[in-house]
Protein backbone atom coordinates (compact mmCIF):
# COMPACT_ATOMS: atom_id res chain seq x y z
CA MET A 1 47.29 194.55 139.75
CA HIS A 2 48.07 192.51 136.74
CA ARG A 3 49.19 188.96 137.23
CA PHE A 4 52.12 187.98 135.05
CA ARG A 5 51.25 184.94 132.96
CA PRO A 6 54.22 183.52 131.14
CA SER A 7 53.40 182.10 127.73
CA LEU A 8 55.12 179.00 126.38
CA GLU A 9 55.74 178.63 122.68
CA PRO A 10 56.65 175.29 121.20
CA LEU A 11 60.23 175.10 120.02
CA GLU A 12 60.93 174.22 116.45
CA GLN A 13 61.63 170.51 116.15
CA ARG A 14 65.33 169.90 115.63
CA ARG A 15 66.55 167.04 113.51
CA VAL A 16 69.73 165.36 114.74
CA LEU A 17 71.50 163.69 111.84
CA ALA A 18 73.67 160.59 111.92
CA SER A 19 77.42 160.27 112.15
CA ILE A 20 79.89 158.00 110.40
CA ALA A 21 83.09 157.15 112.23
CA GLY A 22 85.95 154.80 111.50
CA THR A 23 89.66 154.28 111.21
CA VAL A 24 92.18 154.49 108.38
CA SER A 25 95.04 152.01 108.82
CA ILE A 26 98.03 150.54 107.00
CA ASP A 27 97.22 146.87 106.44
CA LEU A 28 100.68 145.60 107.34
CA ASP A 29 99.84 141.90 107.02
CA GLY A 30 97.70 142.31 103.91
CA ASN A 31 94.73 140.31 105.21
CA HIS A 32 92.12 142.98 104.32
CA HIS A 33 91.01 143.03 107.97
CA ARG A 34 91.68 145.75 110.51
CA ASP A 35 93.60 144.20 113.42
CA ASP A 36 96.13 145.02 116.13
CA THR A 37 99.10 144.73 113.77
CA ASP A 38 97.88 147.60 111.56
CA ALA A 39 99.39 151.08 111.87
CA PRO A 40 97.26 154.26 111.89
CA VAL A 41 97.20 156.55 108.86
CA VAL A 42 97.39 160.24 109.78
CA GLY A 43 96.01 162.86 107.43
CA ALA A 44 93.79 160.76 105.14
CA LEU A 45 90.89 162.80 103.76
CA VAL A 46 87.62 160.92 104.29
CA TRP A 47 84.43 162.32 102.81
CA VAL A 48 80.87 161.50 101.83
CA ASP A 49 80.76 161.53 98.04
CA GLN A 50 77.27 163.00 97.82
CA ASN A 51 77.21 163.36 94.03
CA ARG A 52 79.19 160.09 93.56
CA ASN A 53 81.63 161.63 91.13
CA GLY A 54 84.70 160.10 92.77
CA ARG A 55 86.11 163.49 93.80
CA PHE A 56 85.88 165.62 96.92
CA ASP A 57 83.73 168.69 96.35
CA VAL A 58 83.51 171.69 98.65
CA GLY A 59 80.60 171.32 101.05
CA GLU A 60 80.62 167.52 101.23
CA PRO A 61 80.99 166.21 104.83
CA SER A 62 84.65 165.44 105.41
CA ASP A 63 87.36 164.93 108.00
CA TYR A 64 91.07 164.14 108.18
CA SER A 65 92.16 161.06 110.12
CA ASP A 66 93.97 161.95 113.35
CA ARG A 67 97.12 160.50 114.93
CA ASN A 68 95.17 157.34 115.83
CA GLY A 69 93.82 157.02 112.30
CA ASP A 70 90.32 157.94 113.49
CA TYR A 71 87.89 160.16 111.61
CA LEU A 72 84.34 161.40 112.25
CA LEU A 73 81.76 162.62 109.75
CA ASN A 74 78.76 164.43 111.22
CA ASP A 75 75.35 165.51 109.93
CA ILE A 76 74.87 162.64 107.49
CA ALA A 77 71.35 162.25 106.10
CA PRO A 78 69.76 158.78 106.26
CA GLY A 79 69.99 156.47 103.26
CA GLU A 80 72.90 154.94 101.38
CA ALA A 81 76.07 157.03 101.67
CA TRP A 82 79.19 156.55 99.57
CA VAL A 83 82.21 157.26 101.74
CA ARG A 84 85.62 157.60 100.08
CA ALA A 85 89.15 158.13 101.35
CA ALA A 86 92.08 159.95 99.74
CA MET A 87 95.26 158.57 101.23
CA PRO A 88 98.30 160.69 102.12
CA VAL A 89 101.18 160.58 99.68
CA GLY A 90 103.03 157.28 99.47
CA LEU A 91 99.96 155.23 100.43
CA ILE A 92 97.33 153.56 98.27
CA GLN A 93 93.95 152.22 99.36
CA THR A 94 93.57 148.44 99.44
CA PHE A 95 90.24 148.07 101.27
CA PRO A 96 87.39 148.13 100.55
CA TYR A 97 88.44 145.87 97.70
CA GLU A 98 85.66 144.29 95.66
CA HIS A 99 86.55 142.75 92.35
CA VAL A 100 84.04 142.06 89.61
CA ALA A 101 83.02 138.97 87.62
CA MET A 102 80.49 137.87 85.01
CA GLN A 103 77.34 136.25 86.44
CA TYR A 104 74.77 134.23 84.51
CA ASP A 105 71.11 135.26 84.80
CA SER A 106 68.86 132.29 84.09
CA ALA A 107 65.76 134.48 83.74
CA THR A 108 67.12 136.31 80.67
CA ASP A 109 69.75 133.78 79.54
CA ASN A 110 72.23 136.69 79.59
CA PHE A 111 75.16 137.80 81.72
CA ARG A 112 75.60 140.73 84.10
CA LEU A 113 78.51 142.17 86.05
CA ALA A 114 78.62 141.23 89.73
CA ARG A 115 80.73 142.54 92.60
CA ILE A 116 82.64 140.12 94.86
CA ASP A 117 83.38 141.07 98.45
CA SER A 118 86.68 139.28 99.06
CA VAL A 119 86.20 139.38 102.84
CA THR A 120 82.61 138.23 103.29
CA GLY A 121 82.12 136.29 100.05
CA GLU A 122 78.99 138.27 99.19
CA VAL A 123 78.19 138.51 95.47
CA THR A 124 76.08 141.51 94.39
CA GLY A 125 74.79 142.14 90.87
CA LEU A 126 75.74 145.58 89.53
CA GLY A 127 72.89 145.99 87.07
CA ASP A 128 70.87 144.30 84.37
CA ALA A 129 71.94 141.24 82.39
CA GLY A 130 72.34 142.31 78.81
CA GLY A 131 74.82 140.24 76.82
CA SER A 132 76.95 137.17 76.25
CA ASN A 133 79.70 135.81 78.45
CA ARG A 134 82.99 137.61 77.82
CA PHE A 135 86.55 136.94 78.92
CA GLY A 136 89.49 138.90 80.29
CA LEU A 137 87.28 141.36 82.15
CA ILE A 138 89.02 144.54 83.39
CA LYS A 139 87.94 147.78 85.04
CA THR A 140 89.86 151.00 84.34
CA VAL A 141 90.52 153.90 86.71
CA ASP A 142 87.74 155.75 84.86
CA GLY A 143 85.26 153.04 85.88
CA GLU A 144 84.95 151.55 82.39
CA TYR A 145 84.69 147.79 81.85
CA TYR A 146 86.27 145.96 78.89
CA ALA A 147 86.43 142.29 77.92
CA THR A 148 87.43 140.12 74.98
CA ASP A 149 85.97 137.23 73.07
CA PHE A 150 88.70 134.87 71.88
CA ARG A 151 86.22 133.05 69.65
CA ASP A 152 86.18 135.92 67.16
CA ASP A 153 89.12 138.02 68.47
CA THR A 154 86.99 141.02 69.45
CA LEU A 155 87.12 143.71 72.14
CA HIS A 156 83.93 144.82 73.93
CA LYS A 157 82.94 147.58 76.36
CA ILE A 158 80.33 146.68 78.99
CA ASP A 159 77.88 149.07 80.67
CA PRO A 160 77.65 147.89 84.31
CA LEU A 161 74.11 149.18 84.80
CA THR A 162 72.34 148.11 81.61
CA GLY A 163 74.60 145.17 80.84
CA GLN A 164 74.79 146.39 77.23
CA GLN A 165 77.91 145.24 75.41
CA THR A 166 79.38 147.48 72.71
CA LEU A 167 81.74 146.08 70.10
CA ILE A 168 84.92 148.20 69.99
CA GLY A 169 86.66 146.35 67.18
CA THR A 170 88.36 143.19 65.96
CA PHE A 171 91.97 142.44 66.84
CA ASP A 172 94.33 141.97 63.90
CA GLN A 173 96.07 139.13 65.72
CA GLN A 174 95.02 135.83 67.24
CA VAL A 175 94.60 136.80 70.93
CA VAL A 176 94.24 134.81 74.10
CA ALA A 177 91.12 135.09 76.25
CA GLY A 178 92.63 137.46 78.82
CA LEU A 179 93.35 141.12 79.42
CA ALA A 180 95.59 142.71 82.08
CA TYR A 181 95.21 146.31 83.20
CA ASP A 182 97.95 148.58 84.57
CA PRO A 183 96.13 151.15 86.76
CA LEU A 184 99.23 153.29 87.25
CA MET A 185 99.84 153.91 83.57
CA ASP A 186 96.23 153.34 82.41
CA GLU A 187 97.34 150.70 79.91
CA ILE A 188 95.62 147.48 78.79
CA TYR A 189 97.71 144.45 77.83
CA THR A 190 96.99 141.16 76.13
CA LEU A 191 98.91 138.27 74.58
CA ALA A 192 98.73 137.31 70.93
CA ARG A 193 100.42 135.17 68.30
CA PRO A 194 101.52 137.62 65.60
CA ASN A 195 100.88 136.48 62.05
CA ASP A 196 104.01 135.49 60.20
CA ASP A 197 103.33 134.74 56.51
CA GLY A 198 99.79 133.90 57.47
CA ASP A 199 100.65 131.35 60.16
CA PRO A 200 100.60 132.01 63.91
CA VAL A 201 104.04 131.77 65.56
CA ALA A 202 104.45 129.55 68.60
CA ALA A 203 105.45 132.13 71.23
CA LEU A 204 102.88 134.50 72.70
CA ARG A 205 104.01 138.13 72.62
CA LEU A 206 102.87 140.99 74.86
CA PHE A 207 100.83 143.79 73.27
CA LYS A 208 99.24 147.04 74.38
CA VAL A 209 95.55 147.37 73.51
CA ASP A 210 93.96 150.54 72.14
CA ARG A 211 90.58 150.63 73.89
CA THR A 212 89.06 152.84 71.18
CA SER A 213 89.86 150.66 68.17
CA ALA A 214 91.18 147.27 69.40
CA ALA A 215 94.49 148.01 67.65
CA LEU A 216 97.44 146.07 69.06
CA THR A 217 100.95 147.49 69.54
CA PRO A 218 103.81 145.17 70.56
CA VAL A 219 105.70 146.33 73.65
CA SER A 220 109.00 145.51 71.88
CA ASP A 221 110.55 143.48 69.09
CA ILE A 222 111.74 140.84 71.56
CA GLN A 223 110.90 137.26 70.68
CA PRO A 224 109.94 135.62 74.01
CA SER A 225 112.34 132.88 75.08
CA ILE A 226 109.56 130.48 76.15
CA ASP A 227 106.91 129.09 73.86
CA GLY A 228 104.31 126.36 74.21
CA ILE A 229 101.73 128.34 76.24
CA GLU A 230 98.44 126.91 75.07
CA PHE A 231 95.55 128.96 76.41
CA THR A 232 94.74 131.43 79.18
CA THR A 233 91.79 133.43 80.46
CA SER A 234 93.75 134.14 83.65
CA MET A 235 95.87 137.30 83.39
CA ALA A 236 96.50 140.03 85.95
CA PHE A 237 98.79 143.04 86.15
CA ASP A 238 101.12 143.07 89.15
CA TRP A 239 101.49 146.84 89.51
CA VAL A 240 103.99 146.54 92.37
CA ASN A 241 106.53 144.47 90.40
CA ARG A 242 105.42 145.90 87.04
CA GLN A 243 104.70 142.62 85.26
CA VAL A 244 101.87 140.66 83.64
CA VAL A 245 101.20 137.35 85.40
CA LEU A 246 99.19 134.58 83.73
CA PHE A 247 98.08 130.99 84.27
CA ASP A 248 98.29 128.62 81.30
CA ASN A 249 95.21 126.41 81.44
CA GLY A 250 96.86 123.92 79.12
CA THR A 251 99.97 123.19 81.20
CA ASP A 252 98.76 124.31 84.68
CA THR A 253 101.79 126.61 84.87
CA ALA A 254 102.13 130.30 85.78
CA TYR A 255 104.31 132.73 83.84
CA ALA A 256 105.31 136.38 84.10
CA TYR A 257 106.01 138.88 81.30
CA ASP A 258 108.06 141.98 81.98
CA LEU A 259 107.11 145.16 80.14
CA GLN A 260 109.83 144.62 77.55
CA GLY A 261 108.03 141.43 76.48
CA GLU A 262 110.36 138.83 77.96
CA ILE A 263 108.86 135.88 79.80
CA ARG A 264 109.88 133.65 82.69
CA GLN A 265 108.28 130.55 84.14
CA LEU A 266 106.89 130.61 87.68
CA GLY A 267 105.22 127.72 89.51
CA THR A 268 103.23 124.70 88.33
CA PHE A 269 99.88 123.90 89.95
CA ALA A 270 98.30 120.53 90.63
CA PRO A 271 95.98 119.53 87.74
CA GLN A 272 92.90 119.70 89.98
CA ASP A 273 93.72 123.30 90.98
CA GLY A 274 93.16 124.92 87.60
CA PHE A 275 91.32 128.25 87.42
CA PHE A 276 90.10 130.59 84.69
CA ASN A 277 90.43 134.08 86.21
CA LEU A 278 93.02 136.08 88.10
CA VAL A 279 93.16 139.48 89.87
CA PHE A 280 95.83 141.32 91.87
CA ASP A 281 94.87 143.41 94.90
CA GLY A 282 98.22 144.95 95.79
CA PHE A 283 99.23 142.18 98.20
CA ARG A 284 98.18 138.95 96.55
CA PHE A 285 96.59 137.27 93.56
CA LEU A 286 93.01 136.03 93.82
CA ALA A 287 90.93 133.65 91.75
CA HIS A 288 87.56 131.96 92.14
CA ARG A 289 86.74 128.45 91.01
CA THR A 290 84.03 125.87 91.52
CA VAL A 291 84.50 123.31 94.31
CA GLN A 292 81.85 120.62 94.67
CA GLY A 293 79.32 122.79 92.93
CA ASN A 294 80.06 125.97 94.93
CA SER A 295 82.04 129.07 93.90
CA VAL A 296 85.01 129.58 96.23
CA LEU A 297 87.53 132.45 96.37
CA PHE A 298 91.20 131.47 96.66
CA GLU A 299 94.49 133.24 97.21
CA VAL A 300 96.85 132.28 94.41
CA ASP A 301 100.63 131.95 94.83
CA PRO A 302 101.88 131.90 91.23
CA VAL A 303 105.48 131.27 92.29
CA ALA A 304 104.80 128.29 94.54
CA GLY A 305 101.92 127.01 92.40
CA THR A 306 99.45 126.79 95.27
CA LEU A 307 95.90 127.84 96.13
CA THR A 308 94.70 128.81 99.62
CA GLN A 309 90.96 128.90 100.21
CA LEU A 310 89.71 132.24 101.55
CA VAL A 311 85.91 132.29 101.53
CA SER A 312 82.92 130.60 99.93
CA LEU A 313 80.87 132.85 97.67
CA ASN A 314 77.13 133.09 98.22
CA ALA A 315 76.30 132.85 94.50
CA PRO A 316 77.72 131.01 91.46
CA LEU A 317 79.94 132.94 89.04
CA ASN A 318 81.40 132.39 85.61
CA VAL A 319 85.08 132.15 84.84
CA ASN A 320 85.72 135.87 84.55
CA SER A 321 86.91 138.41 87.10
CA ALA A 322 88.17 141.94 86.65
CA ASP A 323 91.75 143.03 87.15
CA ARG A 324 91.41 146.31 89.00
CA LEU A 325 92.64 148.62 91.75
CA ALA A 326 90.90 149.29 95.06
CA THR A 327 91.86 152.96 95.12
CA ASN A 328 88.89 155.34 95.45
CA GLU A 329 86.53 152.38 95.90
CA PRO A 330 83.80 153.75 98.18
CA GLN A 331 82.44 152.22 101.33
CA ARG A 332 78.70 151.94 100.70
CA VAL A 333 77.02 152.32 104.07
CA ALA A 334 73.37 152.40 105.08
CA VAL A 335 73.07 155.46 107.33
CA PRO A 336 70.70 154.59 110.20
CA ASP A 337 67.33 156.19 110.80
CA PRO A 338 66.50 157.38 113.47
CA GLN A 339 69.65 159.41 113.25
CA SER A 340 70.95 159.07 116.78
CA GLU A 341 73.21 156.19 115.79
CA THR A 342 76.74 156.13 114.41
CA ALA A 343 77.78 153.95 111.51
CA ALA A 344 81.33 152.58 111.73
CA ILE A 345 83.41 151.85 108.62
CA ASP A 346 87.16 151.45 108.11
CA PHE A 347 89.62 151.92 105.27
CA LEU A 348 92.92 150.10 104.77
CA ALA A 349 95.99 151.12 102.78
CA THR A 350 99.48 149.95 101.90
CA LYS A 351 102.69 151.75 101.08
CA LEU A 352 103.25 152.25 97.37
CA VAL A 353 106.81 152.70 96.14
CA ILE A 354 107.32 152.92 92.39
CA ASP A 355 110.86 152.73 91.03
CA SER A 356 110.89 155.24 88.18
CA ALA A 357 113.31 153.04 86.22
CA GLN A 358 110.54 150.44 85.93
CA LEU A 359 108.08 152.85 84.33
CA ASN A 360 107.98 152.42 80.59
CA VAL A 361 107.83 156.14 79.79
CA GLN A 362 110.16 158.91 78.72
CA SER A 363 112.13 160.14 81.71
CA ASP A 364 111.37 163.80 81.01
CA GLN A 365 107.61 163.41 80.77
CA MET A 366 106.00 160.94 83.15
CA HIS A 367 102.27 160.75 82.55
CA LEU A 368 100.93 158.68 85.42
CA VAL A 369 97.30 157.90 86.18
CA VAL A 370 97.92 157.16 89.82
CA PRO A 371 96.25 158.65 92.88
CA SER A 372 99.22 158.13 95.17
CA MET A 373 102.79 157.28 94.32
CA GLN A 374 106.42 157.64 95.36
CA LEU A 375 109.28 158.54 93.05
CA ASP A 376 112.84 157.70 94.06
CA THR A 377 115.61 159.70 92.41
CA SER A 378 118.14 156.95 93.03
CA SER A 379 116.75 155.82 89.66
CA SER A 380 117.79 157.70 86.55
CA LEU A 381 115.66 160.73 85.75
CA GLY A 382 116.80 162.62 82.67
CA ASP A 383 120.44 163.43 82.04
CA ALA A 384 122.30 162.43 85.19
CA SER A 385 124.86 165.20 84.76
CA THR A 386 122.58 168.11 83.98
CA GLU A 387 118.91 168.14 84.72
CA ALA A 388 116.15 165.91 86.08
CA ARG A 389 112.55 166.79 85.45
CA PHE A 390 109.23 165.04 85.60
CA CYS A 391 105.61 165.97 85.07
CA VAL A 392 102.66 164.05 86.43
CA ALA A 393 99.35 164.29 84.57
CA GLY A 394 95.99 164.28 86.35
CA ALA A 395 95.14 164.90 90.00
CA SER A 396 98.06 163.25 91.79
CA HIS A 397 99.64 162.65 95.16
CA VAL A 398 103.41 162.42 94.69
CA ASP A 399 105.99 161.59 97.35
CA LEU A 400 109.36 162.88 96.16
CA GLN A 401 112.17 160.91 97.79
CA LEU A 402 115.54 162.57 97.15
CA SER A 403 118.00 159.90 98.19
CA ASP A 404 121.25 161.87 97.85
CA THR A 405 122.63 165.38 97.44
CA SER A 406 123.12 167.00 94.07
CA THR A 407 123.70 170.30 92.33
CA ARG A 408 121.63 169.09 89.37
CA SER A 409 118.59 171.09 88.40
CA MET A 410 115.45 169.29 89.57
CA GLN A 411 112.22 170.64 88.10
CA VAL A 412 108.91 169.31 89.42
CA ALA A 413 105.66 170.21 87.63
CA LEU A 414 102.31 168.65 88.49
CA GLY A 415 99.96 170.15 85.93
CA ASP A 416 96.56 171.83 86.05
CA ASP A 417 94.62 169.43 88.30
CA PRO A 418 94.51 169.53 92.11
CA ASP A 419 97.77 167.93 93.27
CA ARG A 420 99.70 167.20 96.45
CA LEU A 421 103.46 166.87 96.69
CA SER A 422 105.27 165.51 99.72
CA LEU A 423 108.94 165.87 100.54
CA ARG A 424 111.36 166.39 103.41
CA GLN A 425 112.55 169.88 104.27
CA THR A 426 116.12 168.65 103.85
CA ALA A 427 115.48 168.29 100.11
CA PHE A 428 115.80 172.06 99.68
CA ALA A 429 119.30 172.01 101.21
CA ASP A 430 120.41 168.74 99.58
CA TRP A 431 119.18 169.85 96.13
CA PRO A 432 119.86 173.61 96.00
CA GLN A 433 118.45 173.79 92.45
CA LEU A 434 115.18 172.04 93.28
CA ASN A 435 112.24 174.06 91.95
CA ILE A 436 108.58 173.13 92.35
CA ASP A 437 105.60 174.37 90.34
CA LEU A 438 102.31 172.76 91.31
CA GLY A 439 100.32 174.55 88.61
CA PRO A 440 96.99 176.41 88.65
CA GLY A 441 94.82 173.79 90.44
CA HIS A 442 94.23 173.87 94.19
CA ASP A 443 97.56 172.30 95.16
CA GLY A 444 99.16 171.33 98.44
CA LEU A 445 102.74 170.92 99.62
CA LEU A 446 103.30 168.50 102.52
CA ILE A 447 106.62 169.02 104.26
CA ASP A 448 108.28 166.72 106.77
CA ALA A 449 109.80 169.70 108.51
CA ALA A 450 112.69 170.27 110.90
CA GLU A 451 112.53 172.34 114.09
CA THR A 452 112.31 175.56 112.07
CA LEU A 453 110.95 176.02 108.56
CA SER A 454 111.63 179.44 107.05
CA LEU A 455 109.25 179.93 104.15
CA PRO A 456 110.97 183.16 102.97
CA GLY A 457 114.17 181.13 102.53
CA ILE A 458 112.62 178.80 99.92
CA ALA A 459 109.82 180.95 98.47
CA ASN A 460 111.77 181.77 95.31
CA ARG A 461 111.83 178.03 94.47
CA LEU A 462 108.09 177.47 94.88
CA SER A 463 105.09 178.46 92.78
CA GLY A 464 101.50 177.39 92.38
CA ILE A 465 101.21 176.52 96.09
CA ASP A 466 97.78 176.99 97.66
CA GLU A 467 98.26 174.98 100.84
CA ILE A 468 101.17 173.92 103.04
CA GLN A 469 100.82 171.16 105.61
CA LEU A 470 103.45 170.23 108.17
CA VAL A 471 103.79 166.48 108.63
CA GLY A 472 106.18 164.27 110.55
CA PRO A 473 106.99 163.91 114.25
CA GLN A 474 109.09 167.06 114.74
CA VAL A 475 107.46 170.04 116.48
CA THR A 476 108.07 172.86 114.03
CA THR A 477 108.00 176.64 114.02
CA ILE A 478 107.10 177.87 110.54
CA GLU A 479 108.22 181.38 109.65
CA ILE A 480 106.06 183.26 107.13
CA ASP A 481 106.16 186.79 105.83
CA GLU A 482 104.14 188.78 103.33
CA SER A 483 106.61 188.49 100.47
CA ALA A 484 106.80 184.68 100.80
CA VAL A 485 103.04 184.29 100.47
CA ALA A 486 102.98 186.60 97.46
CA ALA A 487 105.78 184.64 95.78
CA ILE A 488 104.46 181.10 96.13
CA SER A 489 100.70 181.66 95.68
CA ASP A 490 99.26 182.97 92.44
CA ALA A 491 96.12 184.00 94.32
CA GLN A 492 98.10 185.83 97.05
CA ALA A 493 96.41 183.51 99.54
CA LEU A 494 97.85 180.54 101.40
CA THR A 495 96.37 177.90 103.69
CA VAL A 496 98.73 176.55 106.35
CA ARG A 497 97.90 173.39 108.29
CA LEU A 498 99.94 172.86 111.44
CA GLY A 499 100.18 170.00 113.90
CA ALA A 500 98.80 170.33 117.40
CA GLU A 501 102.15 171.50 118.84
CA ASP A 502 103.50 173.43 115.87
CA HIS A 503 103.92 177.20 115.97
CA LEU A 504 103.39 180.05 113.51
CA GLN A 505 105.80 182.99 113.47
CA LEU A 506 104.85 185.94 111.26
CA GLY A 507 107.49 188.19 109.77
CA ASP A 508 107.42 191.38 107.70
CA GLY A 509 103.96 192.78 107.00
CA GLN A 510 101.21 194.49 108.99
CA TRP A 511 99.35 191.35 110.04
CA ALA A 512 95.85 191.49 111.52
CA ALA A 513 93.46 188.79 112.68
CA ARG A 514 90.32 188.83 110.55
CA GLY A 515 88.35 186.32 112.58
CA ILE A 516 87.42 182.76 111.77
CA GLU A 517 87.13 181.12 108.37
CA LEU A 518 84.88 178.03 108.25
CA ARG A 519 85.94 175.35 105.82
CA ASP A 520 84.47 171.83 105.74
CA ASN A 521 83.18 172.27 109.30
CA GLN A 522 86.63 173.24 110.55
CA ARG A 523 87.82 176.56 111.99
CA LEU A 524 90.76 178.26 110.35
CA HIS A 525 92.34 181.52 111.52
CA ALA A 526 92.01 184.27 108.90
CA ILE A 527 95.13 186.46 109.12
CA ALA A 528 95.89 189.12 106.53
CA THR A 529 97.90 192.11 105.47
CA ASP A 530 96.81 194.63 102.87
CA GLN A 531 98.43 192.40 100.22
CA VAL A 532 98.01 188.73 101.19
CA MET A 533 95.74 186.37 103.14
CA LEU A 534 96.67 183.46 105.41
CA SER A 535 94.23 180.75 106.49
CA VAL A 536 95.78 178.83 109.38
CA ARG A 537 94.64 175.57 110.91
CA ASN A 538 96.44 174.77 114.15
CA GLY A 539 95.91 172.95 117.41
CA THR A 540 94.08 175.84 119.12
CA PRO A 541 91.28 176.99 116.79
CA TRP A 542 89.49 179.07 119.50
CA HIS A 543 92.66 180.95 120.52
CA ASN A 544 93.51 184.22 118.78
CA PRO A 545 96.94 183.58 117.18
CA LEU A 546 97.97 187.25 117.28
CA GLU A 547 96.46 188.66 120.48
CA ARG A 548 94.96 186.07 122.77
CA PHE A 549 92.74 188.50 124.74
CA ASP A 550 91.15 189.99 121.60
CA VAL A 551 88.12 187.69 121.62
CA ASN A 552 86.17 189.39 118.83
CA SER A 553 89.32 190.09 116.75
CA ASP A 554 88.54 193.79 116.35
CA GLY A 555 92.13 194.84 117.07
CA SER A 556 91.53 196.04 120.63
CA ILE A 557 90.92 194.52 124.08
CA THR A 558 87.82 195.83 125.86
CA PRO A 559 85.25 194.62 128.44
CA LEU A 560 83.24 193.35 125.48
CA ASP A 561 85.81 190.58 125.01
CA ALA A 562 85.18 189.30 128.53
CA LEU A 563 81.42 189.63 128.08
CA LEU A 564 81.47 187.45 124.96
CA ILE A 565 83.06 184.60 126.92
CA ILE A 566 80.62 185.04 129.83
CA ASN A 567 77.66 184.86 127.47
CA MET A 568 79.00 181.72 125.85
CA ILE A 569 79.49 180.05 129.25
CA ASN A 570 75.91 180.94 130.21
CA ARG A 571 74.55 179.43 126.99
CA THR A 572 76.62 176.25 126.88
CA SER A 573 78.27 175.73 130.33
CA PRO A 574 82.02 175.15 130.75
CA SER A 575 83.19 172.28 128.58
CA ALA A 576 85.73 171.06 126.07
CA LEU A 577 85.44 172.90 122.77
CA ASP A 578 84.20 170.77 119.88
CA GLU A 579 83.67 171.80 116.26
CA SER A 580 80.75 169.39 115.94
CA VAL A 581 78.78 171.70 118.28
CA SER A 582 77.32 174.44 116.11
CA GLU A 583 77.66 177.22 118.70
CA PHE A 584 81.31 176.38 119.25
CA LEU A 585 82.00 176.05 115.52
CA THR A 586 81.05 179.69 114.90
CA ALA A 587 82.15 181.13 118.24
CA PRO A 588 84.71 183.98 118.53
CA TYR A 589 88.12 183.49 120.17
CA ILE A 590 86.76 182.35 123.55
CA ASP A 591 89.77 180.20 124.54
CA THR A 592 92.18 182.80 125.90
CA ASN A 593 94.50 180.30 127.63
CA GLY A 594 94.71 177.95 124.65
CA ASP A 595 93.62 174.72 126.36
CA ASN A 596 90.77 174.00 123.91
CA ALA A 597 88.20 174.29 126.69
CA LEU A 598 85.67 176.94 127.74
CA SER A 599 85.96 177.86 131.41
CA PRO A 600 85.83 180.85 133.81
CA ILE A 601 89.62 181.12 133.65
CA ASP A 602 89.24 182.42 130.08
CA VAL A 603 87.16 185.33 131.42
CA LEU A 604 89.49 185.95 134.34
CA LEU A 605 92.53 186.30 132.09
CA VAL A 606 90.84 189.06 130.08
CA VAL A 607 89.67 190.86 133.25
CA ASN A 608 93.16 190.73 134.77
CA HIS A 609 94.64 192.11 131.60
CA LEU A 610 92.16 194.98 131.57
CA ASN A 611 92.89 195.74 135.24
CA ARG A 612 96.61 195.88 134.55
CA THR A 613 96.26 198.16 131.55
């Protein structure tokens, strides 16, 4: 008789990685803090920018914020992670917001760039100190830093890591010591006194700056109606009101230039409140100045002429600070090790509405370097009686607000980069000649839909669409057929993202479930005909959308379908289904009753069906 001796083999050690969780909110009071007054942002894409290129790449950990604004990123390796957020259309990120200044390094007697955290007051050097003090510091949407030197009227580019300063060129005018940067149009502005018979004129005029040559181009031939401004290093671009705001250090007075070059006076500050830098963060103007030997950050009200102290900085700074935009600024987070912990970081946003009449561009060709914007057709676009058309360059999020009804032809083209366009379903009825071409990039159409959205009814007006997402509060049934997918998608493949309660209704075509498609750690239903492919994300990712009892999506219902659920219950136990659990992520259609949970009732429903048939 042989005695059975069980042998035990050590299991392979499993490494549990960290998580990053947080909330995306609309900062309604503009205080750069998340608080009870903030509203949740639904549908923001949050991801770990593993290669730090500023763009989301397939395979990087990601999640969309839910109806509470919450997101969760799993399986994050320890170390410093750069987490970024791409806001839904019509919103623009305002936190984290960290503007940049010049900082003196006594060890090298040179200057470096330093980041200012406007909430905590922490000052962090960006790299080495490698050059002289410069003025009018700006940062572009491409991450490039530029500054001027009024002493010799030169433009310089600064490398944030090495501190090296490269001379771009010499201005052909006598310039002030400031620059202002428009992040929506990717334009640099400065003020100069144009030479007139060799002598500077009294009034400062507004110029655009060519960053490759330092050439200056006046915004118009207008002679400003106010002169006497003496000197400024304090300029910022107010991209909400589309104006350049400055502080005259000679008269302690603030002024604003519109983009046609006209000027108006704002408020006058107390003489002791002078400052030598200015930035705009989407809600407010900020400046730092020295108070009793310490650098302090202030909120600046240029209209009232007042300063409000915000926070003391933990290191001294020079007069400069960079006019910049918070959009795409990453949250830099130290991922804990051991990896059983969760790091918590938040993002804040504000609504961005741009009146197209304020954009200094041709109405038929809008080239906008803006990650999220809203266009309102109550402004003039093209010939009001015939056709309106606009084209947005670069990867863009555009919210198209059609404020009336019209039989005009409206052509929307968003170019070759990945784009997203948002609009209401009513736009197709209100503008019967609205046509949308999102181009060859991976593009998405976000529709605030009604109770029923019939894709075949609008397919002939759409092209270049790779993804459709239903947004808004209305529970919607979206109707899709084979010909609609073929018409709107160049690749004959369409991704459809539905809300938790929305429904999919398939029309003409021999549709079959092809199982599960995994994308960014999310389950999508793969549904296809012989001609087209649908990838559907809905509120029940473990429930077969075509035949709920066909667990293995082989086109038939057999005892094997029940057995698959039984085996899963034995391995995991009954529980709520969660995509962060690897076995559930790759599981077949085990949720036959569509309650997003694994339980014996799922088996029983299949058995009952087999008994009846």
